[in-house]
């Protein structure tokens, strides 16, 4: 019940039903498809008469997922790509040219929780997050936009609600890269919408995936499950709605603006006591 109160309307007070989708002859590209949200979404969409193009780093997991779902309705193609590697992204784009993408679910991401004082010799942390969370989805989007305009397609950005709030310490690599793509996406959305390409951003709270496992403090904090987020994405595909977020996000944004000095003072105190 606590999750339903905290995360409404991402999760419903009532039994969530899968929306009726008309995806026949539609091609859907999903990055980060082998685990977590991407895997859960793939399993749901595999029941539809569509074409799924799954992208991830793990060839073993992709092949296993494809094999498990081969008797479902969807046609599935898999592509191995480390979105941190610029050449691999270019190779992926080249491999996608024979396909006409109708929906792009930008789901792959990298999270790092580390103090700036532990990052002084770890420039690669920032390079990796900026590539995975910003540059790669931008490059993929640029390559896909012509067909998306032709087909009146849809881009779905799996974002995080913290990009809309006051930045917390130890999240500089993650937050800066996620915020960069969110700002880029907000800007291009106006142009894409004018060409009848739908754009959706999901501002998610914690999701119980392997991405948050290294941060032990999250073990006892309420979080969405990957299959719950996958259901939200299905609803986004159906509705083409622009935004999905917990009901309290706007209030939290206002609070973080009006009381920023107080919040920063509190965070400094908590940081000094070792709670952040």
C-alpha atoms as a PDB file:
ATOM      1  CA  UNK A   1       0.000   0.000   0.000  1.00  0.00           C
ATOM      2  CA  UNK A   2       2.860   2.410   0.798  1.00  0.00           C
ATOM      3  CA  UNK A   3       4.149   2.127  -2.788  1.00  0.00           C
ATOM      4  CA  UNK A   4       0.693   2.840  -4.188  1.00  0.00           C
ATOM      5  CA  UNK A   5       0.435   5.994  -2.073  1.00  0.00           C
ATOM      6  CA  UNK A   6       3.961   7.200  -2.809  1.00  0.00           C
ATOM      7  CA  UNK A   7       4.124   6.385  -6.492  1.00  0.00           C
ATOM      8  CA  UNK A   8       0.580   7.001  -7.743  1.00  0.00           C
ATOM      9  CA  UNK A   9      -0.186   7.335 -10.656  1.00  0.00           C
ATOM     10  CA  UNK A  10       2.885   5.305 -11.715  1.00  0.00           C
ATOM     11  CA  UNK A  11       1.239   2.462  -9.831  1.00  0.00           C
ATOM     12  CA  UNK A  12      -2.528   2.328  -9.467  1.00  0.00           C
ATOM     13  CA  UNK A  13      -4.656   1.835  -6.363  1.00  0.00           C
ATOM     14  CA  UNK A  14      -6.587  -0.615  -8.481  1.00  0.00           C
ATOM     15  CA  UNK A  15      -5.447  -3.712 -10.319  1.00  0.00           C
ATOM     16  CA  UNK A  16      -3.314  -2.561 -13.227  1.00  0.00           C
ATOM     17  CA  UNK A  17      -4.436  -4.042 -16.516  1.00  0.00           C
ATOM     18  CA  UNK A  18      -2.315  -4.219 -19.592  1.00  0.00           C
ATOM     19  CA  UNK A  19      -3.634  -1.652 -22.086  1.00  0.00           C
ATOM     20  CA  UNK A  20      -4.894  -2.802 -25.450  1.00  0.00           C
ATOM     21  CA  UNK A  21      -2.073  -2.115 -27.867  1.00  0.00           C
ATOM     22  CA  UNK A  22      -2.152  -1.992 -31.629  1.00  0.00           C
ATOM     23  CA  UNK A  23       1.464  -2.810 -32.437  1.00  0.00           C
ATOM     24  CA  UNK A  24       1.005  -5.002 -35.477  1.00  0.00           C
ATOM     25  CA  UNK A  25       3.836  -4.358 -37.956  1.00  0.00           C
ATOM     26  CA  UNK A  26       5.462  -1.936 -35.483  1.00  0.00           C
ATOM     27  CA  UNK A  27       9.187  -2.117 -34.728  1.00  0.00           C
ATOM     28  CA  UNK A  28      10.327  -1.261 -31.212  1.00  0.00           C
ATOM     29  CA  UNK A  29      13.944  -0.615 -30.243  1.00  0.00           C
ATOM     30  CA  UNK A  30      14.808  -1.176 -26.567  1.00  0.00           C
ATOM     31  CA  UNK A  31      18.237  -0.410 -25.107  1.00  0.00           C
ATOM     32  CA  UNK A  32      19.308  -2.011 -21.857  1.00  0.00           C
ATOM     33  CA  UNK A  33      17.028  -4.908 -22.760  1.00  0.00           C
ATOM     34  CA  UNK A  34      18.750  -7.792 -20.968  1.00  0.00           C
ATOM     35  CA  UNK A  35      18.036  -6.916 -17.327  1.00  0.00           C
ATOM     36  CA  UNK A  36      15.664  -4.972 -15.094  1.00  0.00           C
ATOM     37  CA  UNK A  37      13.150  -2.660 -16.731  1.00  0.00           C
ATOM     38  CA  UNK A  38      14.244  -3.568 -20.264  1.00  0.00           C
ATOM     39  CA  UNK A  39      13.865  -7.287 -19.663  1.00  0.00           C
ATOM     40  CA  UNK A  40      10.443  -6.866 -18.018  1.00  0.00           C
ATOM     41  CA  UNK A  41       9.261  -4.677 -20.894  1.00  0.00           C
ATOM     42  CA  UNK A  42      10.533  -7.193 -23.448  1.00  0.00           C
ATOM     43  CA  UNK A  43       8.609 -10.024 -21.776  1.00  0.00           C
ATOM     44  CA  UNK A  44       5.377  -8.014 -21.885  1.00  0.00           C
ATOM     45  CA  UNK A  45       5.816  -6.829 -25.471  1.00  0.00           C
ATOM     46  CA  UNK A  46       6.764 -10.311 -26.682  1.00  0.00           C
ATOM     47  CA  UNK A  47       3.069 -11.215 -26.438  1.00  0.00           C
ATOM     48  CA  UNK A  48       2.232  -8.577 -29.064  1.00  0.00           C
ATOM     49  CA  UNK A  49       2.432  -8.970 -32.846  1.00  0.00           C
ATOM     50  CA  UNK A  50       5.363  -6.630 -33.231  1.00  0.00           C
ATOM     51  CA  UNK A  51       9.071  -6.633 -34.023  1.00  0.00           C
ATOM     52  CA  UNK A  52      11.395  -6.184 -31.041  1.00  0.00           C
ATOM     53  CA  UNK A  53      14.986  -5.069 -31.490  1.00  0.00           C
ATOM     54  CA  UNK A  54      16.856  -5.675 -28.253  1.00  0.00           C
ATOM     55  CA  UNK A  55      20.163  -3.983 -27.473  1.00  0.00           C
ATOM     56  CA  UNK A  56      22.450  -4.774 -24.536  1.00  0.00           C
ATOM     57  CA  UNK A  57      26.045  -5.631 -23.683  1.00  0.00           C
ATOM     58  CA  UNK A  58      25.446  -9.245 -22.626  1.00  0.00           C
ATOM     59  CA  UNK A  59      25.201 -11.580 -25.627  1.00  0.00           C
ATOM     60  CA  UNK A  60      24.514 -14.571 -23.364  1.00  0.00           C
ATOM     61  CA  UNK A  61      21.567 -12.893 -21.653  1.00  0.00           C
ATOM     62  CA  UNK A  62      20.165 -11.568 -24.942  1.00  0.00           C
ATOM     63  CA  UNK A  63      20.330 -14.996 -26.572  1.00  0.00           C
ATOM     64  CA  UNK A  64      18.735 -16.636 -23.539  1.00  0.00           C
ATOM     65  CA  UNK A  65      15.933 -14.059 -23.493  1.00  0.00           C
ATOM     66  CA  UNK A  66      15.297 -14.515 -27.208  1.00  0.00           C
ATOM     67  CA  UNK A  67      15.203 -18.288 -26.802  1.00  0.00           C
ATOM     68  CA  UNK A  68      12.770 -18.082 -23.865  1.00  0.00           C
ATOM     69  CA  UNK A  69      10.400 -15.847 -25.839  1.00  0.00           C
ATOM     70  CA  UNK A  70      10.655 -17.478 -29.256  1.00  0.00           C
ATOM     71  CA  UNK A  71       7.187 -19.060 -29.029  1.00  0.00           C
ATOM     72  CA  UNK A  72       5.476 -15.740 -28.375  1.00  0.00           C
ATOM     73  CA  UNK A  73       3.933 -13.460 -30.986  1.00  0.00           C
ATOM     74  CA  UNK A  74       6.766 -10.976 -31.434  1.00  0.00           C
ATOM     75  CA  UNK A  75       9.655 -11.299 -33.827  1.00  0.00           C
ATOM     76  CA  UNK A  76      12.895 -10.640 -31.931  1.00  0.00           C
ATOM     77  CA  UNK A  77      16.280  -9.484 -33.172  1.00  0.00           C
ATOM     78  CA  UNK A  78      19.201  -8.913 -30.824  1.00  0.00           C
ATOM     79  CA  UNK A  79      22.244  -6.661 -31.110  1.00  0.00           C
ATOM     80  CA  UNK A  80      25.202  -6.529 -28.752  1.00  0.00           C
ATOM     81  CA  UNK A  81      26.445  -3.019 -28.091  1.00  0.00           C
ATOM     82  CA  UNK A  82      28.354  -1.308 -25.287  1.00  0.00           C
ATOM     83  CA  UNK A  83      26.950   2.201 -25.492  1.00  0.00           C
ATOM     84  CA  UNK A  84      30.099   3.514 -23.809  1.00  0.00           C
ATOM     85  CA  UNK A  85      32.087   2.595 -26.916  1.00  0.00           C
ATOM     86  CA  UNK A  86      31.632   5.238 -29.616  1.00  0.00           C
ATOM     87  CA  UNK A  87      32.478   2.878 -32.474  1.00  0.00           C
ATOM     88  CA  UNK A  88      30.053   0.240 -31.216  1.00  0.00           C
ATOM     89  CA  UNK A  89      27.266   2.823 -31.222  1.00  0.00           C
ATOM     90  CA  UNK A  90      28.125   3.737 -34.811  1.00  0.00           C
ATOM     91  CA  UNK A  91      28.156   0.043 -35.741  1.00  0.00           C
ATOM     92  CA  UNK A  92      24.753  -0.404 -34.118  1.00  0.00           C
ATOM     93  CA  UNK A  93      23.330   2.511 -36.079  1.00  0.00           C
ATOM     94  CA  UNK A  94      24.667   0.978 -39.275  1.00  0.00           C
ATOM     95  CA  UNK A  95      23.084  -2.378 -38.341  1.00  0.00           C
ATOM     96  CA  UNK A  96      19.731  -0.698 -37.735  1.00  0.00           C
ATOM     97  CA  UNK A  97      19.537   0.894 -41.189  1.00  0.00           C
ATOM     98  CA  UNK A  98      17.551  -1.998 -42.753  1.00  0.00           C
ATOM     99  CA  UNK A  99      14.845  -1.558 -40.111  1.00  0.00           C
ATOM    100  CA  UNK A 100      12.195   1.108 -39.779  1.00  0.00           C
ATOM    101  CA  UNK A 101      11.931   1.962 -36.094  1.00  0.00           C
ATOM    102  CA  UNK A 102       8.521   3.114 -34.862  1.00  0.00           C
ATOM    103  CA  UNK A 103       9.215   3.318 -31.115  1.00  0.00           C
ATOM    104  CA  UNK A 104      12.528   3.926 -29.374  1.00  0.00           C
ATOM    105  CA  UNK A 105      12.670   3.116 -25.647  1.00  0.00           C
ATOM    106  CA  UNK A 106      15.855   4.738 -24.317  1.00  0.00           C
ATOM    107  CA  UNK A 107      16.348   2.636 -21.217  1.00  0.00           C
ATOM    108  CA  UNK A 108      20.067   1.827 -20.897  1.00  0.00           C
ATOM    109  CA  UNK A 109      21.849   3.767 -18.200  1.00  0.00           C
ATOM    110  CA  UNK A 110      24.692   3.849 -15.713  1.00  0.00           C
ATOM    111  CA  UNK A 111      24.476   4.929 -12.071  1.00  0.00           C
ATOM    112  CA  UNK A 112      27.461   5.860  -9.897  1.00  0.00           C
ATOM    113  CA  UNK A 113      27.264   6.873  -6.238  1.00  0.00           C
ATOM    114  CA  UNK A 114      30.674   8.204  -5.192  1.00  0.00           C
ATOM    115  CA  UNK A 115      32.073  11.196  -3.343  1.00  0.00           C
ATOM    116  CA  UNK A 116      33.899  13.752  -5.445  1.00  0.00           C
ATOM    117  CA  UNK A 117      36.895  13.214  -3.139  1.00  0.00           C
ATOM    118  CA  UNK A 118      36.950   9.550  -4.173  1.00  0.00           C
ATOM    119  CA  UNK A 119      36.647  10.548  -7.825  1.00  0.00           C
ATOM    120  CA  UNK A 120      39.669  12.810  -8.237  1.00  0.00           C
ATOM    121  CA  UNK A 121      41.535  10.149 -10.223  1.00  0.00           C
ATOM    122  CA  UNK A 122      38.415   8.588 -11.768  1.00  0.00           C
ATOM    123  CA  UNK A 123      37.668  10.763 -14.781  1.00  0.00           C
ATOM    124  CA  UNK A 124      36.481   7.575 -16.465  1.00  0.00           C
ATOM    125  CA  UNK A 125      33.402   7.595 -14.182  1.00  0.00           C
ATOM    126  CA  UNK A 126      32.259  10.831 -15.775  1.00  0.00           C
ATOM    127  CA  UNK A 127      33.215   9.734 -19.280  1.00  0.00           C
ATOM    128  CA  UNK A 128      31.259   6.506 -18.907  1.00  0.00           C
ATOM    129  CA  UNK A 129      28.091   8.104 -17.521  1.00  0.00           C
ATOM    130  CA  UNK A 130      28.109  10.944 -20.051  1.00  0.00           C
ATOM    131  CA  UNK A 131      28.426   8.413 -22.891  1.00  0.00           C
ATOM    132  CA  UNK A 132      25.833   5.958 -21.610  1.00  0.00           C
ATOM    133  CA  UNK A 133      23.276   8.417 -20.249  1.00  0.00           C
ATOM    134  CA  UNK A 134      23.657  11.284 -22.722  1.00  0.00           C
ATOM    135  CA  UNK A 135      25.811  10.956 -25.839  1.00  0.00           C
ATOM    136  CA  UNK A 136      24.721   7.460 -26.897  1.00  0.00           C
ATOM    137  CA  UNK A 137      20.946   8.078 -26.653  1.00  0.00           C
ATOM    138  CA  UNK A 138      21.408  11.406 -28.433  1.00  0.00           C
ATOM    139  CA  UNK A 139      23.351   9.742 -31.269  1.00  0.00           C
ATOM    140  CA  UNK A 140      20.774   6.972 -31.572  1.00  0.00           C
ATOM    141  CA  UNK A 141      17.928   9.478 -31.575  1.00  0.00           C
ATOM    142  CA  UNK A 142      19.571  11.568 -34.295  1.00  0.00           C
ATOM    143  CA  UNK A 143      19.901   8.478 -36.479  1.00  0.00           C
ATOM    144  CA  UNK A 144      16.285   7.420 -35.871  1.00  0.00           C
ATOM    145  CA  UNK A 145      14.510  10.772 -36.183  1.00  0.00           C
ATOM    146  CA  UNK A 146      14.005  10.713 -39.988  1.00  0.00           C
ATOM    147  CA  UNK A 147      12.084   7.407 -39.841  1.00  0.00           C
ATOM    148  CA  UNK A 148      10.282   8.415 -36.654  1.00  0.00           C
ATOM    149  CA  UNK A 149       9.005  11.542 -38.417  1.00  0.00           C
ATOM    150  CA  UNK A 150       7.958   9.492 -41.449  1.00  0.00           C
ATOM    151  CA  UNK A 151       6.067   6.998 -39.264  1.00  0.00           C
ATOM    152  CA  UNK A 152       4.783   9.477 -36.647  1.00  0.00           C
ATOM    153  CA  UNK A 153       6.741   7.445 -34.143  1.00  0.00           C
ATOM    154  CA  UNK A 154       7.529   7.701 -30.461  1.00  0.00           C
ATOM    155  CA  UNK A 155      10.602   8.176 -28.228  1.00  0.00           C
ATOM    156  CA  UNK A 156      10.332   7.144 -24.579  1.00  0.00           C
ATOM    157  CA  UNK A 157      12.972   8.447 -22.189  1.00  0.00           C
ATOM    158  CA  UNK A 158      13.444   6.442 -18.989  1.00  0.00           C
ATOM    159  CA  UNK A 159      14.591   9.224 -16.689  1.00  0.00           C
ATOM    160  CA  UNK A 160      14.819   9.792 -12.930  1.00  0.00           C
ATOM    161  CA  UNK A 161      12.871  12.221 -10.779  1.00  0.00           C
ATOM    162  CA  UNK A 162      16.075  13.525  -9.170  1.00  0.00           C
ATOM    163  CA  UNK A 163      16.888  15.421 -12.397  1.00  0.00           C
ATOM    164  CA  UNK A 164      13.990  17.717 -11.464  1.00  0.00           C
ATOM    165  CA  UNK A 165      15.134  18.252  -7.870  1.00  0.00           C
ATOM    166  CA  UNK A 166      18.015  19.751  -5.899  1.00  0.00           C
ATOM    167  CA  UNK A 167      21.160  17.732  -6.563  1.00  0.00           C
ATOM    168  CA  UNK A 168      22.360  15.478  -3.765  1.00  0.00           C
ATOM    169  CA  UNK A 169      26.031  14.875  -2.905  1.00  0.00           C
ATOM    170  CA  UNK A 170      27.934  11.884  -4.320  1.00  0.00           C
ATOM    171  CA  UNK A 171      25.742  11.695  -7.438  1.00  0.00           C
ATOM    172  CA  UNK A 172      27.612  14.200  -9.620  1.00  0.00           C
ATOM    173  CA  UNK A 173      28.487  11.787 -12.460  1.00  0.00           C
ATOM    174  CA  UNK A 174      25.025  10.244 -12.663  1.00  0.00           C
ATOM    175  CA  UNK A 175      22.939  13.356 -12.119  1.00  0.00           C
ATOM    176  CA  UNK A 176      24.845  15.567 -14.556  1.00  0.00           C
ATOM    177  CA  UNK A 177      24.597  12.993 -17.359  1.00  0.00           C
ATOM    178  CA  UNK A 178      20.902  12.197 -16.791  1.00  0.00           C
ATOM    179  CA  UNK A 179      20.082  15.902 -16.542  1.00  0.00           C
ATOM    180  CA  UNK A 180      21.949  16.588 -19.771  1.00  0.00           C
ATOM    181  CA  UNK A 181      19.809  14.146 -21.732  1.00  0.00           C
ATOM    182  CA  UNK A 182      16.633  15.342 -20.026  1.00  0.00           C
ATOM    183  CA  UNK A 183      17.345  18.941 -21.080  1.00  0.00           C
ATOM    184  CA  UNK A 184      18.253  17.873 -24.622  1.00  0.00           C
ATOM    185  CA  UNK A 185      15.116  15.776 -24.868  1.00  0.00           C
ATOM    186  CA  UNK A 186      12.913  18.589 -23.532  1.00  0.00           C
ATOM    187  CA  UNK A 187      14.308  20.933 -26.160  1.00  0.00           C
ATOM    188  CA  UNK A 188      13.956  18.612 -29.166  1.00  0.00           C
ATOM    189  CA  UNK A 189      10.528  17.400 -28.039  1.00  0.00           C
ATOM    190  CA  UNK A 190       8.930  20.647 -29.163  1.00  0.00           C
ATOM    191  CA  UNK A 191      10.245  20.174 -32.685  1.00  0.00           C
ATOM    192  CA  UNK A 192       9.466  16.463 -32.759  1.00  0.00           C
ATOM    193  CA  UNK A 193       5.913  16.999 -31.488  1.00  0.00           C
ATOM    194  CA  UNK A 194       5.388  19.571 -34.229  1.00  0.00           C
ATOM    195  CA  UNK A 195       6.208  16.768 -36.696  1.00  0.00           C
ATOM    196  CA  UNK A 196       3.796  14.407 -34.909  1.00  0.00           C
ATOM    197  CA  UNK A 197       6.501  12.360 -33.202  1.00  0.00           C
ATOM    198  CA  UNK A 198       5.392  11.600 -29.646  1.00  0.00           C
ATOM    199  CA  UNK A 199       7.869  12.096 -26.802  1.00  0.00           C
ATOM    200  CA  UNK A 200       7.457  10.672 -23.309  1.00  0.00           C
ATOM    201  CA  UNK A 201       9.611  11.102 -20.208  1.00  0.00           C
ATOM    202  CA  UNK A 202       9.218   8.794 -17.228  1.00  0.00           C
ATOM    203  CA  UNK A 203      10.503  10.499 -14.076  1.00  0.00           C
ATOM    204  CA  UNK A 204      11.012   7.459 -11.905  1.00  0.00           C
ATOM    205  CA  UNK A 205      11.782   7.070  -8.214  1.00  0.00           C
ATOM    206  CA  UNK A 206      13.997   4.201  -7.107  1.00  0.00           C
ATOM    207  CA  UNK A 207      13.479   1.011  -9.088  1.00  0.00           C
ATOM    208  CA  UNK A 208      14.521  -2.310  -7.582  1.00  0.00           C
ATOM    209  CA  UNK A 209      17.137  -3.278 -10.178  1.00  0.00           C
ATOM    210  CA  UNK A 210      20.781  -4.279 -10.054  1.00  0.00           C
ATOM    211  CA  UNK A 211      21.684  -0.618 -10.704  1.00  0.00           C
ATOM    212  CA  UNK A 212      20.837   0.348  -7.111  1.00  0.00           C
ATOM    213  CA  UNK A 213      22.224  -2.790  -5.427  1.00  0.00           C
ATOM    214  CA  UNK A 214      25.686  -1.284  -4.685  1.00  0.00           C
ATOM    215  CA  UNK A 215      24.004   1.436  -2.566  1.00  0.00           C
ATOM    216  CA  UNK A 216      23.066  -0.471   0.592  1.00  0.00           C
ATOM    217  CA  UNK A 217      21.117   2.484   2.013  1.00  0.00           C
ATOM    218  CA  UNK A 218      18.445   1.810  -0.623  1.00  0.00           C
ATOM    219  CA  UNK A 219      17.664  -1.688   0.635  1.00  0.00           C
ATOM    220  CA  UNK A 220      15.012  -0.429   3.071  1.00  0.00           C
ATOM    221  CA  UNK A 221      13.636   2.426   0.956  1.00  0.00           C
ATOM    222  CA  UNK A 222      10.352   1.980  -1.003  1.00  0.00           C
ATOM    223  CA  UNK A 223      10.998   1.346  -4.678  1.00  0.00           C
ATOM    224  CA  UNK A 224       9.130   0.366  -7.811  1.00  0.00           C
ATOM    225  CA  UNK A 225       9.614  -3.064  -9.333  1.00  0.00           C
ATOM    226  CA  UNK A 226      10.813  -3.445 -12.932  1.00  0.00           C
ATOM    227  CA  UNK A 227       7.521  -5.019 -14.037  1.00  0.00           C
ATOM    228  CA  UNK A 228       5.607  -2.044 -12.589  1.00  0.00           C
ATOM    229  CA  UNK A 229       7.712   0.341 -14.660  1.00  0.00           C
ATOM    230  CA  UNK A 230       7.234  -1.884 -17.710  1.00  0.00           C
ATOM    231  CA  UNK A 231       3.462  -1.485 -17.290  1.00  0.00           C
ATOM    232  CA  UNK A 232       3.900   2.299 -17.174  1.00  0.00           C
ATOM    233  CA  UNK A 233       5.835   2.116 -20.448  1.00  0.00           C
ATOM    234  CA  UNK A 234       3.039   0.079 -22.042  1.00  0.00           C
ATOM    235  CA  UNK A 235       0.586   2.766 -20.964  1.00  0.00           C
ATOM    236  CA  UNK A 236       2.892   5.415 -22.416  1.00  0.00           C
ATOM    237  CA  UNK A 237       2.985   3.561 -25.745  1.00  0.00           C
ATOM    238  CA  UNK A 238      -0.810   3.408 -25.696  1.00  0.00           C
ATOM    239  CA  UNK A 239      -1.496   7.007 -24.594  1.00  0.00           C
ATOM    240  CA  UNK A 240       1.558   8.814 -26.079  1.00  0.00           C
ATOM    241  CA  UNK A 241       1.360  11.020 -22.983  1.00  0.00           C
ATOM    242  CA  UNK A 242       4.322  13.391 -22.476  1.00  0.00           C
ATOM    243  CA  UNK A 243       5.120  12.844 -18.810  1.00  0.00           C
ATOM    244  CA  UNK A 244       4.792  10.223 -16.090  1.00  0.00           C
ATOM    245  CA  UNK A 245       5.872  10.974 -12.513  1.00  0.00           C
ATOM    246  CA  UNK A 246       4.744  10.490  -8.918  1.00  0.00           C
ATOM    247  CA  UNK A 247       1.963  12.855  -7.844  1.00  0.00           C
ATOM    248  CA  UNK A 248       4.235  14.781  -5.459  1.00  0.00           C
ATOM    249  CA  UNK A 249       7.056  15.655  -7.878  1.00  0.00           C
ATOM    250  CA  UNK A 250       5.745  19.157  -8.690  1.00  0.00           C
ATOM    251  CA  UNK A 251       5.378  19.918  -4.970  1.00  0.00           C
ATOM    252  CA  UNK A 252       8.915  18.665  -4.370  1.00  0.00           C
ATOM    253  CA  UNK A 253      10.246  20.866  -7.191  1.00  0.00           C
ATOM    254  CA  UNK A 254       8.566  23.923  -5.691  1.00  0.00           C
ATOM    255  CA  UNK A 255       9.882  23.033  -2.235  1.00  0.00           C
ATOM    256  CA  UNK A 256      13.439  22.589  -3.536  1.00  0.00           C
ATOM    257  CA  UNK A 257      13.312  26.047  -5.127  1.00  0.00           C
ATOM    258  CA  UNK A 258      11.733  27.944  -2.216  1.00  0.00           C
ATOM    259  CA  UNK A 259      13.795  26.269   0.492  1.00  0.00           C
ATOM    260  CA  UNK A 260      17.063  25.602  -1.326  1.00  0.00           C
ATOM    261  CA  UNK A 261      19.341  27.279   1.266  1.00  0.00           C
ATOM    262  CA  UNK A 262      17.702  25.317   4.077  1.00  0.00           C
ATOM    263  CA  UNK A 263      17.909  22.033   2.171  1.00  0.00           C
ATOM    264  CA  UNK A 264      21.571  22.606   1.337  1.00  0.00           C
ATOM    265  CA  UNK A 265      22.310  23.397   5.017  1.00  0.00           C
ATOM    266  CA  UNK A 266      20.567  20.157   6.048  1.00  0.00           C
ATOM    267  CA  UNK A 267      22.498  18.131   3.454  1.00  0.00           C
ATOM    268  CA  UNK A 268      25.814  19.572   4.672  1.00  0.00           C
ATOM    269  CA  UNK A 269      24.953  18.574   8.243  1.00  0.00           C
ATOM    270  CA  UNK A 270      23.935  15.075   7.152  1.00  0.00           C
ATOM    271  CA  UNK A 271      27.039  14.747   4.993  1.00  0.00           C
ATOM    272  CA  UNK A 272      29.325  15.752   7.875  1.00  0.00           C
ATOM    273  CA  UNK A 273      27.661  13.134  10.090  1.00  0.00           C
ATOM    274  CA  UNK A 274      28.154  10.442   7.480  1.00  0.00           C
ATOM    275  CA  UNK A 275      24.474  10.026   6.577  1.00  0.00           C
ATOM    276  CA  UNK A 276      24.942  11.152   2.961  1.00  0.00           C
END
